[in-house]
Amino acid sequence: MSLLISIILVVTSVVLVLLVLLHRGKGGGLSDLFGGGVSSTLSGSSVVEKNLDRITIFTGIVWVASIIAQGLVLKHHI
């Protein structure tokens, strides 16, 4: 069980870092490299940015849940 939670934790950590880097900051960001700059100039908040926000929040929730689960599993194994 601990191995499965550790794998989920590592995968969500990497995905979360990539998703945060894709967000558009004040001066642009890595999302401009993938076409995010074109859609963001047409409107203030595009559908792509909203979906990116939702995916990032969901991934963050899974990341926090896996940290809590890992802590509980390790606590009861000792």
N, C-alpha and C. Protein backbone atom coordinates (compact mmCIF):
# COMPACT_ATOMS: atom_id res chain seq x y z
N MET A 1 0.83 -1.19 0.00
CA MET A 1 0.00 0.00 0.00
C MET A 1 0.87 1.26 0.00
N SER A 2 1.95 1.21 0.78
CA SER A 2 2.84 2.36 0.85
C SER A 2 3.51 2.64 -0.49
N LEU A 3 3.84 1.57 -1.20
CA LEU A 3 4.47 1.73 -2.52
C LEU A 3 3.52 2.40 -3.51
N LEU A 4 2.26 2.00 -3.50
CA LEU A 4 1.27 2.59 -4.41
C LEU A 4 1.08 4.08 -4.11
N ILE A 5 0.98 4.42 -2.85
CA ILE A 5 0.81 5.82 -2.48
C ILE A 5 2.05 6.63 -2.84
N SER A 6 3.22 6.03 -2.68
CA SER A 6 4.46 6.72 -3.04
C SER A 6 4.53 6.99 -4.54
N ILE A 7 4.09 6.03 -5.34
CA ILE A 7 4.06 6.22 -6.80
C ILE A 7 3.09 7.33 -7.18
N ILE A 8 1.91 7.32 -6.55
CA ILE A 8 0.93 8.39 -6.82
C ILE A 8 1.50 9.74 -6.41
N LEU A 9 2.20 9.78 -5.30
CA LEU A 9 2.79 11.04 -4.82
C LEU A 9 3.84 11.57 -5.78
N VAL A 10 4.69 10.70 -6.29
CA VAL A 10 5.73 11.13 -7.22
C VAL A 10 5.11 11.61 -8.54
N VAL A 11 4.15 10.86 -9.05
CA VAL A 11 3.51 11.23 -10.33
C VAL A 11 2.78 12.56 -10.20
N THR A 12 2.01 12.72 -9.13
CA THR A 12 1.28 13.98 -8.96
C THR A 12 2.22 15.15 -8.71
N SER A 13 3.36 14.90 -8.08
CA SER A 13 4.33 15.98 -7.86
C SER A 13 4.88 16.50 -9.18
N VAL A 14 5.25 15.58 -10.06
CA VAL A 14 5.79 15.97 -11.36
C VAL A 14 4.72 16.67 -12.19
N VAL A 15 3.52 16.13 -12.20
CA VAL A 15 2.43 16.74 -12.97
C VAL A 15 2.09 18.13 -12.42
N LEU A 16 2.10 18.27 -11.11
CA LEU A 16 1.79 19.57 -10.51
C LEU A 16 2.83 20.62 -10.87
N VAL A 17 4.09 20.24 -10.87
CA VAL A 17 5.15 21.18 -11.27
C VAL A 17 4.94 21.61 -12.73
N LEU A 18 4.65 20.66 -13.60
CA LEU A 18 4.44 21.00 -15.01
C LEU A 18 3.22 21.89 -15.21
N LEU A 19 2.15 21.61 -14.48
CA LEU A 19 0.94 22.42 -14.62
C LEU A 19 1.17 23.84 -14.11
N VAL A 20 1.89 23.99 -13.03
CA VAL A 20 2.17 25.34 -12.52
C VAL A 20 3.03 26.12 -13.50
N LEU A 21 3.98 25.44 -14.13
CA LEU A 21 4.83 26.12 -15.12
C LEU A 21 4.04 26.53 -16.36
N LEU A 22 2.96 25.84 -16.66
CA LEU A 22 2.16 26.19 -17.83
C LEU A 22 1.28 27.42 -17.61
N HIS A 23 1.06 27.80 -16.36
CA HIS A 23 0.21 28.96 -16.09
C HIS A 23 0.88 30.24 -16.60
N ARG A 24 0.02 31.16 -17.00
CA ARG A 24 0.51 32.44 -17.50
C ARG A 24 0.68 33.39 -16.33
N GLY A 25 1.86 33.95 -16.23
CA GLY A 25 2.13 34.93 -15.18
C GLY A 25 1.92 36.33 -15.70
N LYS A 26 2.45 37.31 -15.00
CA LYS A 26 2.30 38.71 -15.41
C LYS A 26 3.04 38.97 -16.72
N GLY A 27 4.20 38.39 -16.87
CA GLY A 27 4.99 38.63 -18.08
C GLY A 27 4.94 37.48 -19.06
N GLY A 28 3.91 36.68 -19.01
CA GLY A 28 3.85 35.48 -19.84
C GLY A 28 4.45 34.32 -19.07
N GLY A 29 4.58 33.23 -19.71
CA GLY A 29 5.14 32.06 -19.05
C GLY A 29 5.43 30.99 -20.07
N LEU A 30 5.62 29.81 -19.59
CA LEU A 30 5.87 28.70 -20.50
C LEU A 30 4.64 28.35 -21.32
N SER A 31 3.47 28.79 -20.86
CA SER A 31 2.26 28.52 -21.63
C SER A 31 2.29 29.26 -22.98
N ASP A 32 3.07 30.34 -23.08
CA ASP A 32 3.20 31.04 -24.35
C ASP A 32 3.89 30.17 -25.40
N LEU A 33 4.76 29.28 -24.97
CA LEU A 33 5.44 28.40 -25.91
C LEU A 33 4.48 27.42 -26.57
N PHE A 34 3.40 27.09 -25.88
CA PHE A 34 2.45 26.09 -26.38
C PHE A 34 1.18 26.73 -26.93
N GLY A 35 1.20 27.99 -27.24
CA GLY A 35 0.05 28.65 -27.84
C GLY A 35 -0.87 29.31 -26.85
N GLY A 36 -0.52 29.35 -25.58
CA GLY A 36 -1.36 29.99 -24.58
C GLY A 36 -1.40 31.50 -24.72
N GLY A 37 -0.37 32.07 -25.29
CA GLY A 37 -0.31 33.52 -25.44
C GLY A 37 -1.29 34.04 -26.46
N VAL A 38 -1.60 33.25 -27.48
CA VAL A 38 -2.53 33.67 -28.53
C VAL A 38 -3.94 33.76 -27.97
N SER A 39 -4.36 32.74 -27.22
CA SER A 39 -5.72 32.74 -26.69
C SER A 39 -5.89 33.74 -25.56
N SER A 40 -4.80 34.04 -24.83
CA SER A 40 -4.93 34.96 -23.71
C SER A 40 -5.00 36.41 -24.18
N THR A 41 -4.53 36.72 -25.38
CA THR A 41 -4.63 38.08 -25.86
C THR A 41 -6.01 38.38 -26.42
N LEU A 42 -6.75 37.34 -26.78
CA LEU A 42 -8.08 37.55 -27.32
C LEU A 42 -9.10 37.86 -26.23
N SER A 43 -8.93 37.27 -25.06
CA SER A 43 -9.84 37.53 -23.96
C SER A 43 -9.05 37.49 -22.66
N GLY A 44 -9.62 38.09 -21.61
CA GLY A 44 -8.92 38.16 -20.34
C GLY A 44 -8.69 36.80 -19.71
N SER A 45 -9.70 35.94 -19.75
CA SER A 45 -9.59 34.62 -19.13
C SER A 45 -10.20 33.61 -20.09
N SER A 46 -9.36 32.84 -20.75
CA SER A 46 -9.85 31.92 -21.76
C SER A 46 -10.30 30.61 -21.14
N VAL A 47 -10.96 29.81 -21.93
CA VAL A 47 -11.43 28.50 -21.50
C VAL A 47 -10.24 27.61 -21.18
N VAL A 48 -9.16 27.77 -21.95
CA VAL A 48 -7.96 26.96 -21.72
C VAL A 48 -7.38 27.27 -20.34
N GLU A 49 -7.31 28.53 -19.98
CA GLU A 49 -6.77 28.91 -18.67
C GLU A 49 -7.67 28.42 -17.54
N LYS A 50 -8.98 28.49 -17.73
CA LYS A 50 -9.90 28.00 -16.70
C LYS A 50 -9.76 26.50 -16.51
N ASN A 51 -9.65 25.77 -17.61
CA ASN A 51 -9.47 24.32 -17.51
C ASN A 51 -8.13 23.98 -16.89
N LEU A 52 -7.09 24.74 -17.22
CA LEU A 52 -5.78 24.53 -16.62
C LEU A 52 -5.83 24.77 -15.12
N ASP A 53 -6.58 25.79 -14.70
CA ASP A 53 -6.76 26.05 -13.27
C ASP A 53 -7.46 24.88 -12.58
N ARG A 54 -8.51 24.37 -13.20
CA ARG A 54 -9.25 23.26 -12.60
C ARG A 54 -8.40 22.01 -12.50
N ILE A 55 -7.64 21.71 -13.54
CA ILE A 55 -6.79 20.52 -13.51
C ILE A 55 -5.70 20.67 -12.45
N THR A 56 -5.15 21.89 -12.33
CA THR A 56 -4.11 22.13 -11.33
C THR A 56 -4.67 21.98 -9.91
N ILE A 57 -5.85 22.50 -9.67
CA ILE A 57 -6.47 22.39 -8.34
C ILE A 57 -6.77 20.92 -8.02
N PHE A 58 -7.31 20.18 -8.99
CA PHE A 58 -7.60 18.76 -8.77
C PHE A 58 -6.33 17.98 -8.48
N THR A 59 -5.27 18.26 -9.24
CA THR A 59 -4.00 17.56 -9.02
C THR A 59 -3.42 17.91 -7.65
N GLY A 60 -3.57 19.15 -7.24
CA GLY A 60 -3.11 19.56 -5.92
C GLY A 60 -3.86 18.86 -4.80
N ILE A 61 -5.16 18.68 -4.98
CA ILE A 61 -5.96 17.97 -3.98
C ILE A 61 -5.53 16.51 -3.89
N VAL A 62 -5.30 15.87 -5.04
CA VAL A 62 -4.83 14.48 -5.03
C VAL A 62 -3.46 14.39 -4.38
N TRP A 63 -2.59 15.38 -4.63
CA TRP A 63 -1.24 15.42 -4.04
C TRP A 63 -1.32 15.51 -2.52
N VAL A 64 -2.14 16.42 -2.01
CA VAL A 64 -2.29 16.58 -0.56
C VAL A 64 -2.90 15.32 0.06
N ALA A 65 -3.90 14.74 -0.61
CA ALA A 65 -4.52 13.52 -0.09
C ALA A 65 -3.51 12.37 -0.04
N SER A 66 -2.64 12.30 -1.03
CA SER A 66 -1.65 11.22 -1.02
C SER A 66 -0.61 11.43 0.08
N ILE A 67 -0.27 12.67 0.39
CA ILE A 67 0.65 12.95 1.50
C ILE A 67 0.01 12.53 2.82
N ILE A 68 -1.26 12.87 3.01
CA ILE A 68 -1.96 12.49 4.24
C ILE A 68 -2.08 10.97 4.34
N ALA A 69 -2.42 10.31 3.23
CA ALA A 69 -2.54 8.86 3.23
C ALA A 69 -1.20 8.19 3.53
N GLN A 70 -0.14 8.72 2.96
CA GLN A 70 1.19 8.16 3.20
C GLN A 70 1.57 8.31 4.68
N GLY A 71 1.25 9.43 5.26
CA GLY A 71 1.51 9.64 6.68
C GLY A 71 0.74 8.68 7.56
N LEU A 72 -0.52 8.45 7.22
CA LEU A 72 -1.33 7.52 8.00
C LEU A 72 -0.84 6.08 7.86
N VAL A 73 -0.45 5.70 6.65
CA VAL A 73 0.05 4.34 6.43
C VAL A 73 1.36 4.13 7.19
N LEU A 74 2.25 5.09 7.12
CA LEU A 74 3.53 4.96 7.83
C LEU A 74 3.36 4.98 9.34
N LYS A 75 2.38 5.74 9.82
CA LYS A 75 2.13 5.81 11.25
C LYS A 75 1.65 4.46 11.79
N HIS A 76 0.81 3.78 11.05
CA HIS A 76 0.24 2.51 11.51
C HIS A 76 1.14 1.32 11.24
N HIS A 77 2.18 1.49 10.40
CA HIS A 77 3.11 0.41 10.13
C HIS A 77 4.18 0.29 11.20
N ILE A 78 4.41 1.37 11.93
CA ILE A 78 5.49 1.37 12.93
C ILE A 78 5.10 0.66 14.17
